[in-house]
Amino acid sequence: MAREVIVVGAGPVGLMTAGELGLRGVDVVVLERLPAPTRQSRGASFTRRTAECFDQRGLLDRLGATEPADSHFGGVPIDLSLPAEDHHGHRGVSQFRTERMLEDWVGELGVPVLRGREVTALRQDGEGVSVTVEGPDGVREERAAYLVGCDGGRSTVRRLAGIAFPGTEGRRGFLTADVTGIATRRRRIGEDLPGGSMVMAMDLENGVTRVVVHEAGTPPPRDRTAVSFTHLADAWQRLTGESIHHGECRWISCFTDASRAAEEYRRGRVLLAGDAAHVQPPAMAQGLSVGVQDAVNLGWKLAAVVRGGAPDRLLDTYHAERQPVGRQLARNARAAIELRLTGAEMDPVREVVGELLAHPDAAAYAAGMLSNLGVRYDLAQGGHPLLGRRMPPGHTLTLADGTRARVAELLRTGRGLLLATDPATAHTARAYADRVDTWTGTWTETEDHAGPAPDAVLVRPDGYVAWTSPGTTDTLTHALERWFGTARGALQPLSTGGPVPADRLPGPVLTPAPAPGGPLTTDRH
């Protein structure tokens, strides 16, 4: 029997995509080539916006303790105290830990993850996609209405779909490893060395140190399997004078400074996300984060289409919104690598960039680009500053019965969200009650940097603002139809207070409002 969606790849992006679909009741399966989860940990941090994405699904706290991550561009530090908004990311989180958390989540949602299954061929028609899969039971054909390739930079799905992957070839080689038993000085954003070399050392967890080395003039390795810890330790000693040869290497890999972005994030019924759609040097600390945001952008749209609530053309907005982000990521990676690893002739440019980043406006722009909080989609015409941006997750609504909820908490159903201070405005969305949660109340806490909250705001399931009142030219009805399809739900009572049903929202999130004049509590991560 055909599935509704097949996701290829059980890394963080594939699992996040599957979770977003499972949250909306889509019949989805994940196919993974490797027979078992790997303890490899290519990603060791994620951006502020990705942390918000996890938070709005109730997942961030599952990761446990993390550390705030500093920011830099090409090795030039960005003072994150200058912008009005908090752009700190999270570091010290191994990719294995993130994958384990996400796999637990999709398991709770009933999504199967089938390992040891390799996709070797695909064909699509007007009704769906068929894939040939080699697995423990031999060769089989699986079919689904849509296929999502989350299978990495060497994506089989992308190649079989015939999607071009333009960009720059790698010119520099890097070695990276997770090591225990060493006490080298920490260099969390990396340390630039004369001649265009670089070393980095940062703490992960359980005494593990992530080390990265680039020795100027080192080309990309021809044989990745021949890379050894001795090679890395030798280079480290040549560059720093420190020996880490005595350390125990748990994992080692190599990468290059290649940067690419797929020409199409969608071809028919095949879609790409994560490294299958864009690659860049891991030293940018952006790949996992931007990939998770791809998944959050795509998941609700694909669910809306396969469940019959929205037209197929909604999926075109995935490419329109995320492909420019991937292209910018590739461009930024090229610029940052050249700034960081070009020799002394780049010093005047580094000085100018450092002077520019000392100005609050420039620091805020660069921080927003790297934290992904600066992403703005063209969602509607209007002048409200929140339109097309993510709704600040700390904005808090006090409901009619006195309970209080953050926007991030109200998004945990994976549905759209209409927040209104006027019941008459909220009435417009009652026919979308099967797709949009409507809450009325008063704003009692907003994040200062965002300015006053609008009287009413329509938030997509990915957390981005599609309509405001005042501030949007289009009507609310037009916005609802554009993003959530034709109205079909029966009129239902508005949500004006009380907890969201437990089967739609993980865990209690609404808390009693403080007494007048009492302190407000902000859940900051």
Protein backbone atom coordinates (compact mmCIF):
# COMPACT_ATOMS: atom_id res chain seq x y z
CA MET A 1 0.00 0.00 0.00
CA ALA A 2 1.36 3.43 -0.95
CA ARG A 3 2.40 5.84 1.78
CA GLU A 4 1.58 9.51 1.70
CA VAL A 5 5.24 10.53 2.11
CA ILE A 6 8.61 8.79 2.08
CA VAL A 7 11.52 10.62 3.72
CA VAL A 8 14.99 9.42 2.71
CA GLY A 9 17.61 9.97 5.41
CA ALA A 10 17.39 9.67 9.21
CA GLY A 11 19.68 12.53 10.15
CA PRO A 12 18.36 15.56 12.03
CA VAL A 13 16.71 17.04 8.93
CA GLY A 14 14.99 13.83 7.86
CA LEU A 15 13.75 13.16 11.38
CA MET A 16 12.52 16.73 11.82
CA THR A 17 10.68 16.51 8.50
CA ALA A 18 9.09 13.22 9.51
CA GLY A 19 8.10 14.62 12.89
CA GLU A 20 6.44 17.66 11.34
CA LEU A 21 4.45 15.35 9.07
CA GLY A 22 3.62 12.87 11.83
CA LEU A 23 2.40 15.68 14.04
CA ARG A 24 -0.30 16.38 11.45
CA GLY A 25 -1.30 12.73 11.04
CA VAL A 26 0.47 12.09 7.73
CA ASP A 27 1.31 8.47 6.86
CA VAL A 28 5.09 8.85 6.56
CA VAL A 29 8.06 6.49 6.70
CA VAL A 30 11.78 7.23 6.99
CA LEU A 31 14.25 5.12 4.97
CA GLU A 32 17.87 5.20 6.12
CA ARG A 33 20.81 3.60 4.31
CA LEU A 34 22.88 2.92 7.44
CA PRO A 35 21.90 -0.17 9.47
CA ALA A 36 22.15 1.56 12.86
CA PRO A 37 22.45 5.08 14.29
CA THR A 38 25.99 6.41 14.17
CA ARG A 39 27.68 8.15 17.07
CA GLN A 40 29.36 10.51 14.63
CA SER A 41 28.70 14.14 15.46
CA ARG A 42 29.37 16.45 12.54
CA GLY A 43 27.15 19.19 14.00
CA ALA A 44 27.99 20.43 17.49
CA SER A 45 25.84 23.53 17.78
CA PHE A 46 22.74 25.18 16.39
CA THR A 47 21.51 28.71 15.88
CA ARG A 48 19.06 30.78 17.88
CA ARG A 49 16.29 30.30 15.32
CA THR A 50 16.75 26.54 15.30
CA ALA A 51 16.48 26.54 19.08
CA GLU A 52 13.20 28.42 18.67
CA CYS A 53 12.00 25.82 16.15
CA PHE A 54 12.70 23.07 18.66
CA ASP A 55 11.01 25.09 21.42
CA GLN A 56 7.82 25.62 19.41
CA ARG A 57 7.45 21.84 19.18
CA GLY A 58 8.28 21.25 22.85
CA LEU A 59 11.65 19.67 22.00
CA LEU A 60 14.30 22.09 23.24
CA ASP A 61 14.16 21.04 26.89
CA ARG A 62 14.60 17.40 25.84
CA LEU A 63 18.19 18.19 24.83
CA GLY A 64 19.17 19.04 28.38
CA ALA A 65 21.85 21.55 29.28
CA THR A 66 23.55 23.59 26.56
CA GLU A 67 25.90 26.56 26.50
CA PRO A 68 25.34 29.90 24.78
CA ALA A 69 27.33 30.11 21.55
CA ASP A 70 29.27 33.19 20.54
CA SER A 71 29.12 34.55 17.01
CA HIS A 72 31.68 35.55 14.41
CA PHE A 73 31.97 36.08 10.70
CA GLY A 74 35.09 34.65 9.12
CA GLY A 75 36.85 34.71 12.49
CA VAL A 76 35.93 38.35 13.20
CA PRO A 77 33.98 38.32 16.50
CA ILE A 78 30.49 39.83 16.73
CA ASP A 79 29.64 41.41 20.08
CA LEU A 80 26.19 39.98 20.73
CA SER A 81 25.55 42.52 23.48
CA LEU A 82 25.18 45.23 20.81
CA PRO A 83 21.93 44.09 19.12
CA ALA A 84 18.70 44.63 21.02
CA GLU A 85 17.68 41.02 20.38
CA ASP A 86 19.37 37.95 21.83
CA HIS A 87 21.14 36.11 18.99
CA HIS A 88 23.09 33.56 21.03
CA GLY A 89 22.93 30.06 19.66
CA HIS A 90 23.48 26.80 21.53
CA ARG A 91 26.74 24.87 21.54
CA GLY A 92 28.08 21.72 23.12
CA VAL A 93 25.24 19.63 21.69
CA SER A 94 26.49 16.62 19.75
CA GLN A 95 24.60 15.75 16.60
CA PHE A 96 24.12 12.25 17.98
CA ARG A 97 22.28 13.73 20.95
CA THR A 98 20.04 15.80 18.66
CA GLU A 99 19.29 12.80 16.44
CA ARG A 100 18.44 10.62 19.44
CA MET A 101 16.04 13.26 20.74
CA LEU A 102 14.34 13.60 17.35
CA GLU A 103 14.09 9.85 16.83
CA ASP A 104 12.41 9.50 20.22
CA TRP A 105 9.93 12.19 19.15
CA VAL A 106 9.04 10.63 15.81
CA GLY A 107 8.68 7.28 17.57
CA GLU A 108 6.14 8.80 19.94
CA LEU A 109 4.28 10.09 16.87
CA GLY A 110 4.18 6.58 15.41
CA VAL A 111 6.53 7.27 12.49
CA PRO A 112 8.59 4.19 11.50
CA VAL A 113 12.30 4.62 10.84
CA LEU A 114 13.51 1.72 8.69
CA ARG A 115 17.28 1.30 8.68
CA GLY A 116 19.49 -0.58 6.26
CA ARG A 117 17.31 0.58 3.34
CA GLU A 118 19.12 2.19 0.41
CA VAL A 119 17.23 3.96 -2.37
CA THR A 120 18.78 3.04 -5.73
CA ALA A 121 16.24 4.26 -8.28
CA LEU A 122 13.16 6.46 -8.52
CA ARG A 123 10.54 7.46 -11.02
CA GLN A 124 7.64 9.84 -10.64
CA ASP A 125 4.37 10.43 -12.44
CA GLY A 126 1.30 12.56 -11.92
CA GLU A 127 0.09 10.39 -9.04
CA GLY A 128 3.21 9.82 -6.99
CA VAL A 129 6.79 8.59 -6.72
CA SER A 130 8.09 5.00 -6.86
CA VAL A 131 11.48 4.13 -5.40
CA THR A 132 13.57 0.98 -5.61
CA VAL A 133 14.89 0.07 -2.18
CA GLU A 134 17.60 -2.45 -1.32
CA GLY A 135 17.28 -3.73 2.22
CA PRO A 136 17.42 -6.74 4.55
CA ASP A 137 14.58 -8.42 2.66
CA GLY A 138 16.13 -7.87 -0.77
CA VAL A 139 15.04 -5.42 -3.44
CA ARG A 140 11.56 -3.91 -3.15
CA GLU A 141 9.59 -1.09 -4.68
CA GLU A 142 7.95 1.47 -2.40
CA ARG A 143 5.51 4.14 -3.48
CA ALA A 144 4.27 7.40 -1.99
CA ALA A 145 2.50 10.55 -3.06
CA TYR A 146 5.66 12.57 -2.33
CA LEU A 147 9.35 11.89 -1.66
CA VAL A 148 11.63 14.11 0.45
CA GLY A 149 15.39 13.71 0.04
CA CYS A 150 17.23 14.46 3.29
CA ASP A 151 20.14 12.19 2.42
CA GLY A 152 23.09 14.55 2.67
CA GLY A 153 25.49 16.42 0.44
CA ARG A 154 26.01 13.42 -1.84
CA SER A 155 22.25 12.97 -2.10
CA THR A 156 21.12 9.98 -4.13
CA VAL A 157 17.62 11.45 -4.34
CA ARG A 158 18.95 14.70 -5.83
CA ARG A 159 21.03 12.81 -8.39
CA LEU A 160 18.22 10.46 -9.39
CA ALA A 161 15.80 13.38 -9.71
CA GLY A 162 18.24 15.14 -12.05
CA ILE A 163 18.45 18.32 -9.95
CA ALA A 164 21.56 20.43 -10.62
CA PHE A 165 23.81 21.34 -7.69
CA PRO A 166 25.92 24.34 -8.77
CA GLY A 167 28.55 26.00 -6.62
CA THR A 168 32.27 26.10 -5.93
CA GLU A 169 34.62 23.13 -5.73
CA GLY A 170 36.58 22.69 -2.53
CA ARG A 171 40.13 24.10 -2.58
CA ARG A 172 41.07 23.63 1.06
CA GLY A 173 41.12 20.55 3.25
CA PHE A 174 40.11 20.40 6.93
CA LEU A 175 40.43 17.65 9.52
CA THR A 176 38.07 17.34 12.47
CA ALA A 177 37.82 14.87 15.33
CA ASP A 178 36.13 14.26 18.67
CA VAL A 179 38.82 13.52 21.25
CA THR A 180 38.89 12.66 24.95
CA GLY A 181 41.79 12.94 27.41
CA ILE A 182 43.24 16.23 26.18
CA ALA A 183 43.48 19.57 27.97
CA THR A 184 44.36 21.91 25.14
CA ARG A 185 43.38 25.56 25.35
CA ARG A 186 39.82 26.09 24.13
CA ARG A 187 39.39 28.08 20.93
CA ARG A 188 35.63 28.10 20.58
CA ILE A 189 35.28 30.26 17.47
CA GLY A 190 38.63 29.15 16.11
CA GLU A 191 42.04 30.77 16.17
CA ASP A 192 43.51 32.20 12.98
CA LEU A 193 47.21 31.56 12.52
CA PRO A 194 49.78 33.22 10.25
CA GLY A 195 49.64 32.33 6.58
CA GLY A 196 46.02 31.26 6.48
CA SER A 197 45.96 28.31 8.90
CA MET A 198 43.31 27.79 11.58
CA VAL A 199 42.68 25.61 14.63
CA MET A 200 39.58 25.23 16.77
CA ALA A 201 38.84 23.41 20.04
CA MET A 202 35.50 23.37 21.83
CA ASP A 203 33.87 21.29 24.55
CA LEU A 204 31.06 18.91 23.67
CA GLU A 205 29.92 16.64 26.51
CA ASN A 206 31.30 13.91 28.76
CA GLY A 207 34.86 15.19 28.44
CA VAL A 208 34.83 15.20 24.63
CA THR A 209 36.65 17.99 22.78
CA ARG A 210 35.87 18.82 19.16
CA VAL A 211 39.06 19.82 17.32
CA VAL A 212 39.37 21.22 13.80
CA VAL A 213 42.57 21.87 11.88
CA HIS A 214 43.30 23.58 8.59
CA GLU A 215 46.95 23.87 7.63
CA ALA A 216 47.50 26.42 4.87
CA GLY A 217 48.19 24.82 1.53
CA THR A 218 46.44 21.57 2.43
CA PRO A 219 44.16 20.48 -0.42
CA PRO A 220 41.02 18.38 0.03
CA PRO A 221 41.98 14.76 0.77
CA ARG A 222 41.64 12.42 -2.19
CA ASP A 223 40.80 9.41 -0.05
CA ARG A 224 38.61 10.20 2.93
CA THR A 225 39.05 6.71 4.35
CA ALA A 226 42.81 7.24 4.64
CA VAL A 227 42.48 10.13 7.11
CA SER A 228 43.89 9.26 10.54
CA PHE A 229 44.10 10.89 13.94
CA THR A 230 47.88 10.89 13.61
CA HIS A 231 47.57 13.18 10.59
CA LEU A 232 45.42 15.58 12.58
CA ALA A 233 47.58 15.47 15.72
CA ASP A 234 50.74 16.05 13.70
CA ALA A 235 49.20 19.11 12.03
CA TRP A 236 47.93 20.40 15.38
CA GLN A 237 51.42 20.17 16.87
CA ARG A 238 53.03 21.89 13.89
CA LEU A 239 50.59 24.80 14.17
CA THR A 240 50.25 25.20 17.95
CA GLY A 241 53.29 23.54 19.47
CA GLU A 242 50.93 21.40 21.59
CA SER A 243 50.73 17.63 21.41
CA ILE A 244 47.35 15.91 21.50
CA HIS A 245 48.72 12.56 20.29
CA HIS A 246 47.91 10.98 23.64
CA GLY A 247 44.19 11.68 23.26
CA GLU A 248 41.65 9.02 22.40
CA CYS A 249 39.97 9.71 19.08
CA ARG A 250 36.30 8.75 19.08
CA TRP A 251 35.53 9.98 15.58
CA ILE A 252 37.46 11.63 12.77
CA SER A 253 36.44 13.08 9.46
CA CYS A 254 37.45 15.62 6.87
CA PHE A 255 35.70 18.31 4.87
CA THR A 256 36.41 20.99 2.30
CA ASP A 257 35.39 24.59 1.69
CA ALA A 258 32.97 23.64 -1.12
CA SER A 259 29.69 25.56 -1.13
CA ARG A 260 26.67 24.59 -3.23
CA ALA A 261 22.92 25.11 -3.44
CA ALA A 262 20.44 23.07 -5.47
CA GLU A 263 18.83 24.85 -8.41
CA GLU A 264 15.48 23.35 -7.46
CA TYR A 265 14.24 22.43 -4.01
CA ARG A 266 11.24 20.87 -5.69
CA ARG A 267 10.91 18.91 -8.91
CA GLY A 268 7.40 17.57 -9.27
CA ARG A 269 6.74 15.27 -6.34
CA VAL A 270 10.37 15.13 -5.20
CA LEU A 271 11.63 17.68 -2.66
CA LEU A 272 15.04 18.29 -1.09
CA ALA A 273 15.98 19.54 2.37
CA GLY A 274 19.14 19.99 4.42
CA ASP A 275 22.52 19.09 2.95
CA ALA A 276 20.77 17.47 -0.02
CA ALA A 277 19.74 21.04 -0.94
CA HIS A 278 22.79 23.03 0.23
CA VAL A 279 26.29 22.32 1.48
CA GLN A 280 28.89 24.57 3.07
CA PRO A 281 31.92 24.11 5.34
CA PRO A 282 30.90 22.79 8.78
CA ALA A 283 33.05 25.52 10.31
CA MET A 284 30.18 27.91 9.50
CA ALA A 285 28.04 26.02 12.07
CA GLN A 286 25.00 26.58 9.85
CA GLY A 287 24.27 23.34 7.99
CA LEU A 288 22.26 21.46 10.61
CA SER A 289 20.42 24.62 11.65
CA VAL A 290 19.38 25.72 8.18
CA GLY A 291 18.39 22.14 7.38
CA VAL A 292 16.11 21.89 10.41
CA GLN A 293 14.50 25.16 9.34
CA ASP A 294 14.00 23.69 5.84
CA ALA A 295 12.13 20.83 7.48
CA VAL A 296 9.95 23.14 9.58
CA ASN A 297 9.10 25.22 6.50
CA LEU A 298 8.30 22.19 4.34
CA GLY A 299 6.61 19.85 6.82
CA TRP A 300 3.38 21.73 7.48
CA LYS A 301 2.95 22.62 3.79
CA LEU A 302 3.40 19.04 2.65
CA ALA A 303 1.02 17.85 5.37
CA ALA A 304 -1.59 20.39 4.26
CA VAL A 305 -1.36 19.19 0.66
CA VAL A 306 -1.44 15.44 1.27
CA ARG A 307 -4.27 15.73 3.79
CA GLY A 308 -6.34 17.63 1.25
CA GLY A 309 -6.54 21.02 2.91
CA ALA A 310 -4.36 22.98 0.51
CA PRO A 311 -3.58 22.97 -3.23
CA ASP A 312 -0.37 21.45 -4.58
CA ARG A 313 0.95 24.90 -5.51
CA LEU A 314 1.52 25.60 -1.80
CA LEU A 315 4.65 23.44 -2.16
CA ASP A 316 6.08 25.93 -4.65
CA THR A 317 6.42 28.40 -1.79
CA TYR A 318 8.91 26.01 -0.16
CA HIS A 319 11.38 26.55 -3.00
CA ALA A 320 10.55 30.27 -3.24
CA GLU A 321 11.24 30.82 0.47
CA ARG A 322 14.07 28.42 1.26
CA GLN A 323 16.19 28.33 -1.90
CA PRO A 324 17.27 31.99 -1.47
CA VAL A 325 18.30 31.12 2.10
CA GLY A 326 20.42 28.25 0.77
CA ARG A 327 22.03 30.46 -1.86
CA GLN A 328 22.80 33.14 0.72
CA LEU A 329 24.28 30.46 2.97
CA ALA A 330 26.60 29.30 0.18
CA ARG A 331 27.63 32.88 -0.55
CA ASN A 332 28.25 33.68 3.11
CA ALA A 333 30.33 30.53 3.52
CA ARG A 334 32.56 31.48 0.60
CA ALA A 335 33.01 35.00 1.94
CA ALA A 336 33.73 33.84 5.49
CA ILE A 337 36.27 31.24 4.40
CA GLU A 338 38.15 33.72 2.22
CA LEU A 339 38.11 36.31 5.00
CA ARG A 340 39.39 33.81 7.53
CA LEU A 341 41.90 31.73 5.60
CA THR A 342 43.46 34.12 3.10
CA GLY A 343 46.88 35.23 4.27
CA ALA A 344 48.20 38.58 5.48
CA GLU A 345 47.00 40.36 2.34
CA MET A 346 43.47 40.07 3.79
CA ASP A 347 44.40 41.84 7.05
CA PRO A 348 43.17 45.31 5.95
CA VAL A 349 39.79 43.81 5.03
CA ARG A 350 39.59 42.04 8.40
CA GLU A 351 40.29 45.33 10.15
CA VAL A 352 37.54 47.11 8.21
CA VAL A 353 35.05 44.31 8.89
CA GLY A 354 35.93 44.45 12.59
CA GLU A 355 35.36 48.20 12.67
CA LEU A 356 32.01 47.84 10.92
CA LEU A 357 30.85 45.12 13.29
CA ALA A 358 31.55 47.41 16.24
CA HIS A 359 28.49 49.45 15.18
CA PRO A 360 25.19 48.19 16.66
CA ASP A 361 23.28 48.25 13.36
CA ALA A 362 25.98 46.31 11.51
CA ALA A 363 26.36 43.86 14.39
CA ALA A 364 22.58 43.32 14.44
CA TYR A 365 22.49 42.67 10.69
CA ALA A 366 25.39 40.20 10.77
CA ALA A 367 24.08 38.50 13.92
CA GLY A 368 20.64 38.13 12.34
CA MET A 369 22.17 36.57 9.25
CA LEU A 370 24.09 34.02 11.32
CA SER A 371 21.43 33.35 13.98
CA ASN A 372 18.80 33.04 11.19
CA LEU A 373 16.58 35.49 13.07
CA GLY A 374 17.03 37.88 10.15
CA VAL A 375 15.11 35.65 7.73
CA ARG A 376 12.14 37.44 6.22
CA TYR A 377 9.80 35.91 3.65
CA ASP A 378 7.61 37.79 1.19
CA LEU A 379 4.29 36.61 2.61
CA ALA A 380 1.97 39.59 2.10
CA GLN A 381 1.89 43.29 1.31
CA GLY A 382 1.96 45.63 4.24
CA GLY A 383 4.14 47.70 6.50
CA HIS A 384 4.09 45.94 9.85
CA PRO A 385 7.66 45.11 10.96
CA LEU A 386 6.68 41.56 11.93
CA LEU A 387 5.14 40.68 8.56
CA GLY A 388 7.13 37.86 6.97
CA ARG A 389 9.35 37.46 10.03
CA ARG A 390 9.13 34.88 12.75
CA MET A 391 6.73 35.75 15.54
CA PRO A 392 8.86 36.43 18.64
CA PRO A 393 8.32 33.24 20.66
CA GLY A 394 8.44 35.05 23.98
CA HIS A 395 5.40 37.22 23.22
CA THR A 396 2.87 36.24 25.86
CA LEU A 397 -0.93 36.32 25.68
CA THR A 398 -3.11 36.45 28.78
CA LEU A 399 -6.42 34.74 28.12
CA ALA A 400 -9.87 35.58 29.40
CA ASP A 401 -9.62 33.16 32.33
CA GLY A 402 -6.30 34.64 33.47
CA THR A 403 -4.01 31.92 32.16
CA ARG A 404 -0.94 32.96 30.21
CA ALA A 405 0.88 31.33 27.30
CA ARG A 406 3.90 32.13 25.15
CA VAL A 407 3.51 32.05 21.39
CA ALA A 408 6.03 29.17 21.20
CA GLU A 409 3.83 27.08 23.48
CA LEU A 410 0.72 27.70 21.42
CA LEU A 411 2.53 26.49 18.27
CA ARG A 412 3.18 23.01 19.64
CA THR A 413 0.16 21.54 17.87
CA GLY A 414 1.88 22.13 14.52
CA ARG A 415 -1.18 24.07 13.34
CA GLY A 416 -1.67 27.66 12.27
CA LEU A 417 -2.31 30.22 14.97
CA LEU A 418 -4.58 33.27 15.03
CA LEU A 419 -4.04 35.49 18.05
CA ALA A 420 -6.49 38.33 18.49
CA THR A 421 -7.45 40.89 21.08
CA ASP A 422 -10.83 41.33 19.38
CA PRO A 423 -13.31 38.39 19.28
CA ALA A 424 -14.89 39.81 16.11
CA THR A 425 -11.60 39.37 14.22
CA ALA A 426 -11.16 35.88 15.63
CA HIS A 427 -14.62 34.94 14.34
CA THR A 428 -13.29 35.06 10.76
CA ALA A 429 -11.13 31.97 11.32
CA ARG A 430 -13.81 29.75 12.86
CA ALA A 431 -14.33 27.93 9.56
CA TYR A 432 -10.62 26.94 9.68
CA ALA A 433 -10.84 25.35 13.10
CA ASP A 434 -9.50 22.07 11.67
CA ARG A 435 -6.26 23.81 10.66
CA VAL A 436 -5.88 27.00 12.68
CA ASP A 437 -6.01 27.40 16.47
CA THR A 438 -7.66 30.68 17.47
CA TRP A 439 -6.96 32.38 20.79
CA THR A 440 -8.26 35.67 22.12
CA GLY A 441 -6.79 37.64 24.98
CA THR A 442 -4.51 40.57 25.74
CA TRP A 443 -0.79 40.94 25.23
CA THR A 444 0.84 41.12 28.64
CA GLU A 445 4.44 40.56 27.66
CA THR A 446 6.27 41.35 24.45
CA GLU A 447 9.94 41.32 23.53
CA ASP A 448 11.09 44.94 23.50
CA HIS A 449 13.04 44.70 20.25
CA ALA A 450 9.90 43.73 18.30
CA GLY A 451 7.84 46.79 19.21
CA PRO A 452 4.15 46.69 20.15
CA ALA A 453 2.30 43.50 19.27
CA PRO A 454 -0.44 43.87 16.63
CA ASP A 455 -4.11 43.71 17.56
CA ALA A 456 -4.36 40.45 15.63
CA VAL A 457 -1.76 38.23 14.00
CA LEU A 458 -1.92 35.08 11.84
CA VAL A 459 1.09 32.86 12.44
CA ARG A 460 1.93 29.94 10.16
CA PRO A 461 2.83 26.59 11.75
CA ASP A 462 6.53 27.33 11.15
CA GLY A 463 6.23 30.43 13.34
CA TYR A 464 6.28 33.10 10.59
CA VAL A 465 3.78 35.96 10.48
CA ALA A 466 1.46 35.81 7.46
CA TRP A 467 -0.94 38.62 8.38
CA THR A 468 -1.31 41.38 10.95
CA SER A 469 -3.94 43.91 11.92
CA PRO A 470 -3.10 46.66 11.52
CA GLY A 471 -0.29 46.55 8.97
CA THR A 472 -1.34 44.18 6.16
CA THR A 473 -3.00 45.21 2.91
CA ASP A 474 -4.74 41.87 2.33
CA THR A 475 -7.73 40.74 4.36
CA LEU A 476 -7.56 37.98 6.93
CA THR A 477 -9.82 35.84 4.73
CA HIS A 478 -7.37 36.16 1.84
CA ALA A 479 -4.44 35.20 4.08
CA LEU A 480 -6.28 32.18 5.45
CA GLU A 481 -7.14 30.96 1.97
CA ARG A 482 -3.61 31.48 0.68
CA TRP A 483 -1.88 29.54 3.44
CA PHE A 484 -4.54 27.12 4.65
CA GLY A 485 -6.71 26.45 1.60
CA THR A 486 -10.46 26.51 1.25
CA ALA A 487 -12.49 26.75 4.43
CA ARG A 488 -14.23 23.50 5.28
CA GLY A 489 -14.32 23.23 9.07
CA ALA A 490 -17.59 23.55 10.92
CA LEU A 491 -17.95 26.61 13.12
CA GLN A 492 -16.53 25.89 16.54
CA PRO A 493 -16.25 27.94 19.73
CA LEU A 494 -13.26 30.23 20.02
CA SER A 495 -10.43 29.41 22.41
CA THR A 496 -10.57 32.09 25.06
CA GLY A 497 -9.03 30.33 27.99
CA GLY A 498 -8.17 27.02 29.59
CA PRO A 499 -5.57 24.48 28.52
CA VAL A 500 -5.24 23.11 25.02
CA PRO A 501 -6.42 19.46 24.90
CA ALA A 502 -3.63 17.13 25.99
CA ASP A 503 -3.72 15.17 22.75
CA ARG A 504 -2.82 18.31 20.80
CA LEU A 505 -0.26 19.98 23.03
CA PRO A 506 2.60 18.14 24.80
CA GLY A 507 2.52 18.99 28.45
CA PRO A 508 0.86 21.81 30.36
CA VAL A 509 2.05 25.20 29.15
CA LEU A 510 -0.50 27.74 30.38
CA THR A 511 0.34 29.25 33.75
CA PRO A 512 -1.65 31.52 36.07
CA ALA A 513 -1.15 35.22 35.39
CA PRO A 514 0.73 37.10 38.13
CA ALA A 515 -1.07 39.44 40.45
CA PRO A 516 -1.28 43.04 39.21
CA GLY A 517 2.12 44.64 39.54
CA GLY A 518 3.78 41.29 40.16
CA PRO A 519 6.74 39.96 38.20
CA LEU A 520 6.34 38.39 34.79
CA THR A 521 8.23 35.21 34.05
CA THR A 522 9.90 34.84 30.70
CA ASP A 523 11.05 31.37 29.65
CA ARG A 524 14.33 32.18 27.92
CA HIS A 525 16.63 29.56 26.42
